[in-house]
């Protein structure tokens, strides 16, 4: 468990959830990073992306919301970026290749993180689950990245919440 910020525990638990469901084979990976090397072009020799990378970022935390007289909801906004270069041939990525990545993001990231029955484990001492009153967002893919870089790029933004007492300690 992180002693620095609770949102980091939440992000680490999101990494663990995706890693358990996906079980990536190197060079593909899921990780929590602040400054990823995402080279998408031939000129990016030192940072050229290999495999499918799923990157989890802490995006925002906000003041807790009152849940009851003795309980607060602590909310954590998390962004999950999925990026992968198309390397199987020349030209644009084929529809089937793109479809497989869109399906991956929906089935392995978006749907699980919006499932009201989700309980994140891993680094968390208590339960964090989707905030029912907050909309999750997903950019299915970035058309400019596909056209310019022949790569897949999708962002999922979710709000996860957990109960705390009035002092902010997790329940």
N, C-alpha and C. Protein backbone atom coordinates (compact mmCIF):
# COMPACT_ATOMS: atom_id res chain seq x y z
N UNK A 1 0.84 -1.18 0.00
CA UNK A 1 0.00 0.00 0.00
C UNK A 1 0.88 1.24 0.00
N UNK A 2 0.52 2.21 -0.80
CA UNK A 2 1.26 3.45 -0.87
C UNK A 2 1.00 4.30 0.36
N UNK A 3 2.02 4.95 0.83
CA UNK A 3 1.83 5.89 1.93
C UNK A 3 1.77 7.31 1.40
N UNK A 4 1.92 7.47 0.09
CA UNK A 4 1.97 8.80 -0.49
C UNK A 4 0.58 9.33 -0.84
N UNK A 5 -0.22 8.56 -1.52
CA UNK A 5 -1.54 9.02 -1.97
C UNK A 5 -2.43 7.82 -2.23
N UNK A 6 -3.63 7.89 -1.74
CA UNK A 6 -4.59 6.78 -1.91
C UNK A 6 -4.90 6.53 -3.38
N UNK A 7 -4.89 7.56 -4.20
CA UNK A 7 -5.19 7.38 -5.61
C UNK A 7 -4.17 6.45 -6.28
N UNK A 8 -2.94 6.43 -5.75
CA UNK A 8 -1.93 5.52 -6.30
C UNK A 8 -2.27 4.07 -5.98
N UNK A 9 -2.83 3.83 -4.79
CA UNK A 9 -3.30 2.48 -4.45
C UNK A 9 -4.41 2.06 -5.40
N UNK A 10 -5.32 2.99 -5.69
CA UNK A 10 -6.43 2.69 -6.60
C UNK A 10 -5.87 2.36 -7.99
N UNK A 11 -4.93 3.17 -8.48
CA UNK A 11 -4.34 2.90 -9.80
C UNK A 11 -3.61 1.57 -9.83
N UNK A 12 -2.87 1.26 -8.78
CA UNK A 12 -2.18 -0.02 -8.72
C UNK A 12 -3.18 -1.18 -8.74
N UNK A 13 -4.31 -0.99 -8.11
CA UNK A 13 -5.34 -2.03 -8.12
C UNK A 13 -5.97 -2.18 -9.49
N UNK A 14 -6.12 -1.08 -10.22
CA UNK A 14 -6.62 -1.15 -11.60
C UNK A 14 -5.61 -1.92 -12.46
N UNK A 15 -4.32 -1.63 -12.29
CA UNK A 15 -3.27 -2.37 -13.01
C UNK A 15 -3.40 -3.86 -12.71
N UNK A 16 -3.54 -4.21 -11.46
CA UNK A 16 -3.65 -5.61 -11.05
C UNK A 16 -4.87 -6.28 -11.66
N UNK A 17 -6.01 -5.57 -11.68
CA UNK A 17 -7.23 -6.12 -12.26
C UNK A 17 -7.05 -6.43 -13.74
N UNK A 18 -6.50 -5.47 -14.49
CA UNK A 18 -6.30 -5.66 -15.93
C UNK A 18 -5.28 -6.75 -16.19
N UNK A 19 -4.19 -6.74 -15.44
CA UNK A 19 -3.13 -7.75 -15.61
C UNK A 19 -3.66 -9.16 -15.35
N UNK A 20 -4.49 -9.32 -14.35
CA UNK A 20 -5.06 -10.63 -14.03
C UNK A 20 -5.99 -11.11 -15.13
N UNK A 21 -6.79 -10.21 -15.68
CA UNK A 21 -7.74 -10.59 -16.73
C UNK A 21 -7.06 -10.82 -18.07
N UNK A 22 -6.04 -10.04 -18.38
CA UNK A 22 -5.41 -10.08 -19.69
C UNK A 22 -4.22 -11.03 -19.74
N UNK A 23 -3.37 -11.04 -18.75
CA UNK A 23 -2.12 -11.81 -18.70
C UNK A 23 -1.28 -11.53 -19.96
N UNK A 24 -0.75 -10.31 -20.06
CA UNK A 24 0.01 -9.94 -21.25
C UNK A 24 1.33 -10.69 -21.37
N UNK A 25 1.71 -10.97 -22.61
CA UNK A 25 3.01 -11.59 -22.90
C UNK A 25 3.94 -10.50 -23.41
N UNK A 26 5.18 -10.48 -22.90
CA UNK A 26 6.17 -9.46 -23.29
C UNK A 26 6.32 -9.45 -24.81
N UNK A 27 6.41 -8.28 -25.41
CA UNK A 27 6.66 -6.98 -24.81
C UNK A 27 5.39 -6.24 -24.38
N UNK A 28 4.23 -6.82 -24.59
CA UNK A 28 3.00 -6.17 -24.12
C UNK A 28 3.00 -6.11 -22.60
N UNK A 29 2.34 -5.08 -22.05
CA UNK A 29 2.35 -4.92 -20.59
C UNK A 29 1.26 -3.96 -20.15
N UNK A 30 0.95 -4.05 -18.88
CA UNK A 30 0.08 -3.07 -18.23
C UNK A 30 0.87 -2.51 -17.05
N UNK A 31 0.85 -1.18 -16.92
CA UNK A 31 1.66 -0.57 -15.87
C UNK A 31 1.10 0.80 -15.49
N UNK A 32 1.57 1.28 -14.35
CA UNK A 32 1.25 2.64 -13.91
C UNK A 32 2.52 3.45 -14.09
N UNK A 33 2.46 4.45 -14.95
CA UNK A 33 3.62 5.29 -15.24
C UNK A 33 3.17 6.75 -15.33
N UNK A 34 4.13 7.65 -15.20
CA UNK A 34 3.84 9.08 -15.36
C UNK A 34 4.29 9.61 -16.71
N UNK A 35 5.39 9.09 -17.22
CA UNK A 35 5.98 9.62 -18.45
C UNK A 35 6.38 8.45 -19.36
N UNK A 36 5.39 7.85 -20.01
CA UNK A 36 5.70 6.66 -20.81
C UNK A 36 6.45 6.99 -22.10
N UNK A 37 7.29 6.08 -22.53
CA UNK A 37 7.94 6.19 -23.83
C UNK A 37 6.97 5.63 -24.87
N UNK A 38 6.38 6.53 -25.65
CA UNK A 38 5.39 6.09 -26.65
C UNK A 38 5.84 6.61 -28.00
N UNK A 39 6.91 6.03 -28.52
CA UNK A 39 7.35 6.37 -29.86
C UNK A 39 6.55 5.57 -30.87
N UNK A 40 5.91 6.28 -31.79
CA UNK A 40 5.06 5.60 -32.76
C UNK A 40 5.64 5.59 -34.18
N UNK A 41 6.70 6.35 -34.42
CA UNK A 41 7.23 6.44 -35.77
C UNK A 41 8.64 5.85 -35.85
N UNK A 42 9.10 5.66 -37.06
CA UNK A 42 10.44 5.10 -37.28
C UNK A 42 11.52 6.03 -36.72
N UNK A 43 11.24 7.34 -36.66
CA UNK A 43 12.20 8.30 -36.13
C UNK A 43 12.37 8.17 -34.62
N UNK A 44 11.42 7.55 -33.95
CA UNK A 44 11.46 7.40 -32.50
C UNK A 44 12.24 6.15 -32.10
N UNK A 45 13.47 6.03 -32.57
CA UNK A 45 14.26 4.82 -32.38
C UNK A 45 14.41 4.46 -30.90
N UNK A 46 14.68 5.42 -30.06
CA UNK A 46 14.95 5.14 -28.65
C UNK A 46 13.70 4.89 -27.83
N UNK A 47 12.55 5.31 -28.31
CA UNK A 47 11.31 5.17 -27.53
C UNK A 47 10.24 4.40 -28.28
N UNK A 48 10.60 3.74 -29.36
CA UNK A 48 9.59 3.07 -30.19
C UNK A 48 8.83 2.03 -29.38
N UNK A 49 7.53 2.16 -29.43
CA UNK A 49 6.63 1.30 -28.68
C UNK A 49 6.66 -0.12 -29.24
N UNK A 50 6.72 -1.10 -28.34
CA UNK A 50 6.69 -2.51 -28.73
C UNK A 50 5.50 -3.16 -28.04
N UNK A 51 4.73 -3.94 -28.76
CA UNK A 51 3.60 -4.65 -28.19
C UNK A 51 2.45 -3.71 -27.83
N UNK A 52 1.48 -4.25 -27.14
CA UNK A 52 0.34 -3.47 -26.66
C UNK A 52 0.66 -2.99 -25.25
N UNK A 53 0.55 -1.70 -25.06
CA UNK A 53 0.81 -1.13 -23.75
C UNK A 53 -0.48 -0.56 -23.17
N UNK A 54 -0.81 -0.95 -21.96
CA UNK A 54 -1.95 -0.43 -21.24
C UNK A 54 -1.37 0.34 -20.06
N UNK A 55 -1.61 1.64 -20.05
CA UNK A 55 -0.99 2.53 -19.08
C UNK A 55 -2.07 3.15 -18.20
N UNK A 56 -1.87 3.08 -16.90
CA UNK A 56 -2.85 3.57 -15.93
C UNK A 56 -2.28 4.81 -15.26
N UNK A 57 -3.07 5.90 -15.28
CA UNK A 57 -2.64 7.18 -14.74
C UNK A 57 -3.61 7.67 -13.67
N UNK A 58 -3.09 8.21 -12.58
CA UNK A 58 -3.97 8.93 -11.67
C UNK A 58 -4.32 10.26 -12.33
N UNK A 59 -5.60 10.56 -12.42
CA UNK A 59 -6.01 11.75 -13.15
C UNK A 59 -6.42 12.89 -12.23
N UNK A 60 -7.23 12.54 -11.21
CA UNK A 60 -7.75 13.61 -10.36
C UNK A 60 -8.35 13.01 -9.10
N UNK A 61 -8.18 13.68 -7.99
CA UNK A 61 -8.95 13.36 -6.82
C UNK A 61 -9.65 14.63 -6.39
N UNK A 62 -10.73 14.47 -5.68
CA UNK A 62 -11.52 15.63 -5.31
C UNK A 62 -11.99 15.51 -3.88
N UNK A 63 -12.58 16.57 -3.39
CA UNK A 63 -13.08 16.57 -2.02
C UNK A 63 -14.09 15.45 -1.84
N UNK A 64 -14.04 14.76 -0.70
CA UNK A 64 -15.01 13.69 -0.46
C UNK A 64 -16.44 14.24 -0.43
N UNK A 65 -17.39 13.40 -0.81
CA UNK A 65 -18.81 13.74 -0.79
C UNK A 65 -19.46 13.06 0.40
N UNK A 66 -20.39 13.75 1.02
CA UNK A 66 -21.10 13.19 2.18
C UNK A 66 -21.97 12.03 1.73
N UNK A 67 -21.82 10.88 2.37
CA UNK A 67 -22.65 9.70 2.08
C UNK A 67 -23.71 9.51 3.15
N UNK A 68 -23.34 9.76 4.39
CA UNK A 68 -24.27 9.67 5.51
C UNK A 68 -23.70 10.55 6.63
N UNK A 69 -24.32 10.52 7.78
CA UNK A 69 -23.84 11.36 8.89
C UNK A 69 -22.42 11.00 9.31
N UNK A 70 -22.02 9.74 9.12
CA UNK A 70 -20.70 9.32 9.58
C UNK A 70 -19.84 8.68 8.48
N UNK A 71 -20.20 8.93 7.23
CA UNK A 71 -19.44 8.33 6.13
C UNK A 71 -19.33 9.30 4.96
N UNK A 72 -18.16 9.26 4.31
CA UNK A 72 -17.89 10.04 3.12
C UNK A 72 -17.56 9.11 1.96
N UNK A 73 -17.76 9.61 0.73
CA UNK A 73 -17.30 8.90 -0.47
C UNK A 73 -16.06 9.62 -0.97
N UNK A 74 -14.95 8.91 -1.03
CA UNK A 74 -13.73 9.45 -1.62
C UNK A 74 -13.71 9.00 -3.07
N UNK A 75 -13.57 9.96 -3.99
CA UNK A 75 -13.60 9.65 -5.42
C UNK A 75 -12.22 9.83 -6.03
N UNK A 76 -11.88 8.87 -6.91
CA UNK A 76 -10.60 8.86 -7.60
C UNK A 76 -10.86 8.78 -9.10
N UNK A 77 -10.37 9.74 -9.84
CA UNK A 77 -10.50 9.70 -11.31
C UNK A 77 -9.22 9.07 -11.87
N UNK A 78 -9.42 8.09 -12.73
CA UNK A 78 -8.32 7.30 -13.28
C UNK A 78 -8.47 7.24 -14.79
N UNK A 79 -7.36 7.38 -15.51
CA UNK A 79 -7.34 7.23 -16.96
C UNK A 79 -6.54 5.99 -17.32
N UNK A 80 -7.08 5.21 -18.24
CA UNK A 80 -6.39 4.02 -18.74
C UNK A 80 -6.19 4.22 -20.25
N UNK A 81 -4.94 4.27 -20.66
CA UNK A 81 -4.58 4.46 -22.07
C UNK A 81 -4.11 3.12 -22.64
N UNK A 82 -4.68 2.74 -23.77
CA UNK A 82 -4.23 1.55 -24.49
C UNK A 82 -3.64 2.02 -25.81
N UNK A 83 -2.42 1.62 -26.09
CA UNK A 83 -1.74 2.04 -27.31
C UNK A 83 -0.95 0.88 -27.89
N UNK A 84 -1.00 0.76 -29.23
CA UNK A 84 -0.27 -0.31 -29.91
C UNK A 84 0.00 0.11 -31.35
N UNK A 85 1.23 -0.09 -31.80
CA UNK A 85 1.59 0.20 -33.20
C UNK A 85 1.17 -0.96 -34.08
N UNK A 86 0.72 -0.64 -35.29
CA UNK A 86 0.44 -1.67 -36.29
C UNK A 86 1.75 -1.98 -37.00
N UNK A 87 2.19 -3.24 -36.90
CA UNK A 87 3.49 -3.61 -37.47
C UNK A 87 3.41 -4.79 -38.43
N UNK A 88 2.19 -5.21 -38.76
CA UNK A 88 2.03 -6.43 -39.56
C UNK A 88 2.12 -6.23 -41.07
N UNK A 89 2.31 -5.01 -41.53
CA UNK A 89 2.40 -4.80 -42.96
C UNK A 89 2.42 -3.32 -43.27
N UNK A 90 2.43 -3.01 -44.56
CA UNK A 90 2.41 -1.61 -44.95
C UNK A 90 0.97 -1.15 -45.10
N UNK A 91 0.80 0.12 -45.05
CA UNK A 91 -0.54 0.69 -45.19
C UNK A 91 -1.24 0.79 -43.85
N UNK A 92 -2.51 1.12 -43.93
CA UNK A 92 -3.31 1.33 -42.73
C UNK A 92 -3.65 0.00 -42.06
N UNK A 93 -3.87 0.05 -40.74
CA UNK A 93 -4.29 -1.17 -40.04
C UNK A 93 -5.63 -1.66 -40.61
N UNK A 94 -5.76 -2.97 -40.85
CA UNK A 94 -7.02 -3.49 -41.37
C UNK A 94 -8.14 -3.42 -40.33
N UNK A 95 -9.35 -3.48 -40.81
CA UNK A 95 -10.53 -3.39 -39.95
C UNK A 95 -10.48 -4.45 -38.85
N UNK A 96 -10.12 -5.69 -39.19
CA UNK A 96 -10.09 -6.77 -38.19
C UNK A 96 -9.09 -6.46 -37.08
N UNK A 97 -7.94 -5.88 -37.44
CA UNK A 97 -6.92 -5.53 -36.43
C UNK A 97 -7.48 -4.47 -35.48
N UNK A 98 -8.08 -3.43 -36.05
CA UNK A 98 -8.67 -2.36 -35.23
C UNK A 98 -9.82 -2.91 -34.38
N UNK A 99 -10.68 -3.74 -34.99
CA UNK A 99 -11.82 -4.32 -34.26
C UNK A 99 -11.35 -5.08 -33.02
N UNK A 100 -10.25 -5.84 -33.16
CA UNK A 100 -9.75 -6.62 -32.04
C UNK A 100 -9.30 -5.71 -30.89
N UNK A 101 -8.70 -4.58 -31.20
CA UNK A 101 -8.25 -3.66 -30.16
C UNK A 101 -9.42 -2.91 -29.52
N UNK A 102 -10.39 -2.50 -30.34
CA UNK A 102 -11.60 -1.87 -29.79
C UNK A 102 -12.30 -2.84 -28.86
N UNK A 103 -12.42 -4.10 -29.26
CA UNK A 103 -13.03 -5.12 -28.41
C UNK A 103 -12.26 -5.34 -27.13
N UNK A 104 -10.93 -5.34 -27.22
CA UNK A 104 -10.09 -5.50 -26.03
C UNK A 104 -10.37 -4.40 -25.02
N UNK A 105 -10.39 -3.15 -25.47
CA UNK A 105 -10.61 -2.02 -24.56
C UNK A 105 -11.99 -2.11 -23.91
N UNK A 106 -12.99 -2.43 -24.71
CA UNK A 106 -14.35 -2.53 -24.16
C UNK A 106 -14.46 -3.67 -23.15
N UNK A 107 -13.96 -4.86 -23.52
CA UNK A 107 -14.16 -6.05 -22.69
C UNK A 107 -13.20 -6.14 -21.50
N UNK A 108 -11.96 -5.69 -21.66
CA UNK A 108 -10.96 -5.85 -20.60
C UNK A 108 -10.80 -4.63 -19.70
N UNK A 109 -11.26 -3.45 -20.19
CA UNK A 109 -11.04 -2.23 -19.41
C UNK A 109 -12.35 -1.52 -19.10
N UNK A 110 -13.05 -1.05 -20.14
CA UNK A 110 -14.24 -0.23 -19.91
C UNK A 110 -15.34 -0.98 -19.15
N UNK A 111 -15.76 -2.13 -19.67
CA UNK A 111 -16.85 -2.86 -19.01
C UNK A 111 -16.51 -3.26 -17.57
N UNK A 112 -15.34 -3.84 -17.31
CA UNK A 112 -15.02 -4.19 -15.91
C UNK A 112 -14.97 -2.97 -14.98
N UNK A 113 -14.42 -1.87 -15.47
CA UNK A 113 -14.31 -0.69 -14.60
C UNK A 113 -15.65 0.02 -14.40
N UNK A 114 -16.65 -0.31 -15.19
CA UNK A 114 -17.99 0.26 -15.00
C UNK A 114 -18.95 -0.75 -14.40
N UNK A 115 -18.50 -1.92 -14.12
CA UNK A 115 -19.36 -2.96 -13.53
C UNK A 115 -19.65 -2.59 -12.08
N UNK A 116 -20.93 -2.39 -11.71
CA UNK A 116 -21.23 -2.00 -10.34
C UNK A 116 -20.85 -3.07 -9.31
N UNK A 117 -20.62 -4.30 -9.75
CA UNK A 117 -20.22 -5.36 -8.83
C UNK A 117 -18.70 -5.43 -8.65
N UNK A 118 -17.96 -4.57 -9.37
CA UNK A 118 -16.51 -4.57 -9.26
C UNK A 118 -16.07 -4.19 -7.86
N UNK A 119 -15.17 -4.96 -7.33
CA UNK A 119 -14.48 -4.60 -6.09
C UNK A 119 -13.00 -4.76 -6.37
N UNK A 120 -12.28 -3.64 -6.38
CA UNK A 120 -10.85 -3.70 -6.63
C UNK A 120 -10.14 -4.24 -5.41
N UNK A 121 -9.24 -5.13 -5.64
CA UNK A 121 -8.44 -5.70 -4.55
C UNK A 121 -7.02 -5.21 -4.71
N UNK A 122 -6.08 -6.09 -4.59
CA UNK A 122 -4.68 -5.71 -4.77
C UNK A 122 -4.20 -4.88 -3.61
N UNK A 123 -3.80 -3.66 -3.87
CA UNK A 123 -3.22 -2.79 -2.87
C UNK A 123 -4.25 -2.19 -1.93
N UNK A 124 -5.53 -2.30 -2.26
CA UNK A 124 -6.54 -1.63 -1.45
C UNK A 124 -6.86 -2.38 -0.18
N UNK A 125 -7.02 -1.65 0.88
CA UNK A 125 -7.41 -2.23 2.15
C UNK A 125 -8.91 -2.39 2.20
N UNK A 126 -9.62 -1.54 1.50
CA UNK A 126 -11.08 -1.55 1.49
C UNK A 126 -11.57 -1.65 0.05
N UNK A 127 -12.83 -1.46 -0.14
CA UNK A 127 -13.42 -1.60 -1.47
C UNK A 127 -13.41 -0.28 -2.21
N UNK A 128 -13.04 -0.32 -3.45
CA UNK A 128 -13.23 0.81 -4.36
C UNK A 128 -14.01 0.25 -5.54
N UNK A 129 -15.02 0.97 -5.95
CA UNK A 129 -15.88 0.50 -7.02
C UNK A 129 -16.36 1.68 -7.83
N UNK A 130 -16.96 1.44 -9.02
CA UNK A 130 -17.39 2.55 -9.87
C UNK A 130 -18.37 3.46 -9.14
N UNK A 131 -18.19 4.74 -9.32
CA UNK A 131 -19.13 5.72 -8.75
C UNK A 131 -20.38 5.71 -9.62
N UNK A 132 -21.53 5.29 -9.07
CA UNK A 132 -22.74 5.15 -9.89
C UNK A 132 -23.26 6.46 -10.44
N UNK A 133 -22.94 7.57 -9.80
CA UNK A 133 -23.44 8.86 -10.25
C UNK A 133 -22.46 9.59 -11.18
N UNK A 134 -21.38 8.94 -11.55
CA UNK A 134 -20.37 9.53 -12.43
C UNK A 134 -20.30 8.76 -13.74
N UNK A 135 -20.28 9.48 -14.84
CA UNK A 135 -20.20 8.84 -16.15
C UNK A 135 -18.75 8.45 -16.45
N UNK A 136 -18.58 7.27 -16.98
CA UNK A 136 -17.28 6.87 -17.50
C UNK A 136 -17.23 7.30 -18.96
N UNK A 137 -16.05 7.59 -19.44
CA UNK A 137 -15.89 7.99 -20.82
C UNK A 137 -14.82 7.12 -21.47
N UNK A 138 -15.02 6.89 -22.75
CA UNK A 138 -14.00 6.16 -23.50
C UNK A 138 -13.91 6.74 -24.90
N UNK A 139 -12.70 7.11 -25.29
CA UNK A 139 -12.44 7.44 -26.68
C UNK A 139 -12.12 6.11 -27.34
N UNK A 140 -13.04 5.63 -28.16
CA UNK A 140 -12.90 4.29 -28.73
C UNK A 140 -11.57 4.14 -29.47
N UNK A 141 -11.19 5.16 -30.21
CA UNK A 141 -9.87 5.19 -30.83
C UNK A 141 -9.62 6.62 -31.30
N UNK A 142 -8.36 6.95 -31.56
CA UNK A 142 -7.99 8.27 -32.05
C UNK A 142 -7.69 8.16 -33.54
N UNK A 143 -8.58 8.72 -34.35
CA UNK A 143 -8.45 8.61 -35.81
C UNK A 143 -7.16 9.25 -36.31
N UNK A 144 -6.72 10.35 -35.70
CA UNK A 144 -5.49 10.99 -36.14
C UNK A 144 -4.28 10.10 -35.93
N UNK A 145 -4.24 9.38 -34.82
CA UNK A 145 -3.13 8.46 -34.54
C UNK A 145 -3.13 7.31 -35.56
N UNK A 146 -4.32 6.83 -35.89
CA UNK A 146 -4.41 5.75 -36.90
C UNK A 146 -3.88 6.24 -38.24
N UNK A 147 -4.34 7.41 -38.67
CA UNK A 147 -3.96 7.93 -39.99
C UNK A 147 -2.47 8.31 -40.03
N UNK A 148 -2.01 9.04 -39.04
CA UNK A 148 -0.64 9.56 -39.06
C UNK A 148 0.41 8.51 -38.68
N UNK A 149 0.08 7.67 -37.67
CA UNK A 149 1.10 6.81 -37.10
C UNK A 149 0.85 5.31 -37.26
N UNK A 150 -0.29 4.94 -37.88
CA UNK A 150 -0.64 3.52 -38.04
C UNK A 150 -0.59 2.82 -36.68
N UNK A 151 -1.30 3.40 -35.73
CA UNK A 151 -1.31 2.86 -34.38
C UNK A 151 -2.71 3.00 -33.78
N UNK A 152 -2.97 2.19 -32.77
CA UNK A 152 -4.23 2.24 -32.03
C UNK A 152 -3.99 3.01 -30.74
N UNK A 153 -4.93 3.90 -30.40
CA UNK A 153 -4.82 4.73 -29.20
C UNK A 153 -6.23 4.91 -28.65
N UNK A 154 -6.47 4.44 -27.44
CA UNK A 154 -7.79 4.58 -26.82
C UNK A 154 -7.63 4.97 -25.36
N UNK A 155 -8.47 5.91 -24.91
CA UNK A 155 -8.44 6.34 -23.52
C UNK A 155 -9.77 6.04 -22.86
N UNK A 156 -9.69 5.49 -21.67
CA UNK A 156 -10.87 5.24 -20.83
C UNK A 156 -10.67 6.06 -19.56
N UNK A 157 -11.68 6.84 -19.21
CA UNK A 157 -11.64 7.64 -17.99
C UNK A 157 -12.79 7.21 -17.09
N UNK A 158 -12.46 6.82 -15.86
CA UNK A 158 -13.47 6.35 -14.90
C UNK A 158 -13.30 7.04 -13.56
N UNK A 159 -14.37 7.01 -12.80
CA UNK A 159 -14.34 7.51 -11.43
C UNK A 159 -14.63 6.33 -10.52
N UNK A 160 -13.70 6.04 -9.62
CA UNK A 160 -13.87 4.98 -8.64
C UNK A 160 -14.02 5.63 -7.28
N UNK A 161 -14.85 5.04 -6.44
CA UNK A 161 -15.07 5.63 -5.12
C UNK A 161 -14.92 4.58 -4.04
N UNK A 162 -14.65 5.05 -2.84
CA UNK A 162 -14.55 4.17 -1.69
C UNK A 162 -15.10 4.89 -0.47
N UNK A 163 -15.64 4.14 0.48
CA UNK A 163 -16.17 4.77 1.69
C UNK A 163 -15.05 5.10 2.67
N UNK A 164 -15.20 6.25 3.34
CA UNK A 164 -14.27 6.63 4.41
C UNK A 164 -15.07 7.14 5.60
N UNK A 165 -14.41 7.19 6.74
CA UNK A 165 -15.09 7.84 7.88
C UNK A 165 -14.90 9.36 7.72
N UNK A 166 -15.38 10.11 8.67
CA UNK A 166 -15.35 11.57 8.55
C UNK A 166 -13.94 12.14 8.61
N UNK A 167 -12.99 11.37 9.07
CA UNK A 167 -11.60 11.84 9.08
C UNK A 167 -10.88 11.52 7.78
N UNK A 168 -11.52 10.75 6.92
CA UNK A 168 -10.91 10.34 5.65
C UNK A 168 -10.26 8.98 5.70
N UNK A 169 -10.32 8.32 6.83
CA UNK A 169 -9.75 6.96 6.93
C UNK A 169 -10.69 5.98 6.25
N UNK A 170 -10.12 5.07 5.49
CA UNK A 170 -10.95 4.09 4.79
C UNK A 170 -11.68 3.19 5.78
N UNK A 171 -12.87 2.82 5.38
CA UNK A 171 -13.72 1.96 6.22
C UNK A 171 -13.59 0.52 5.77
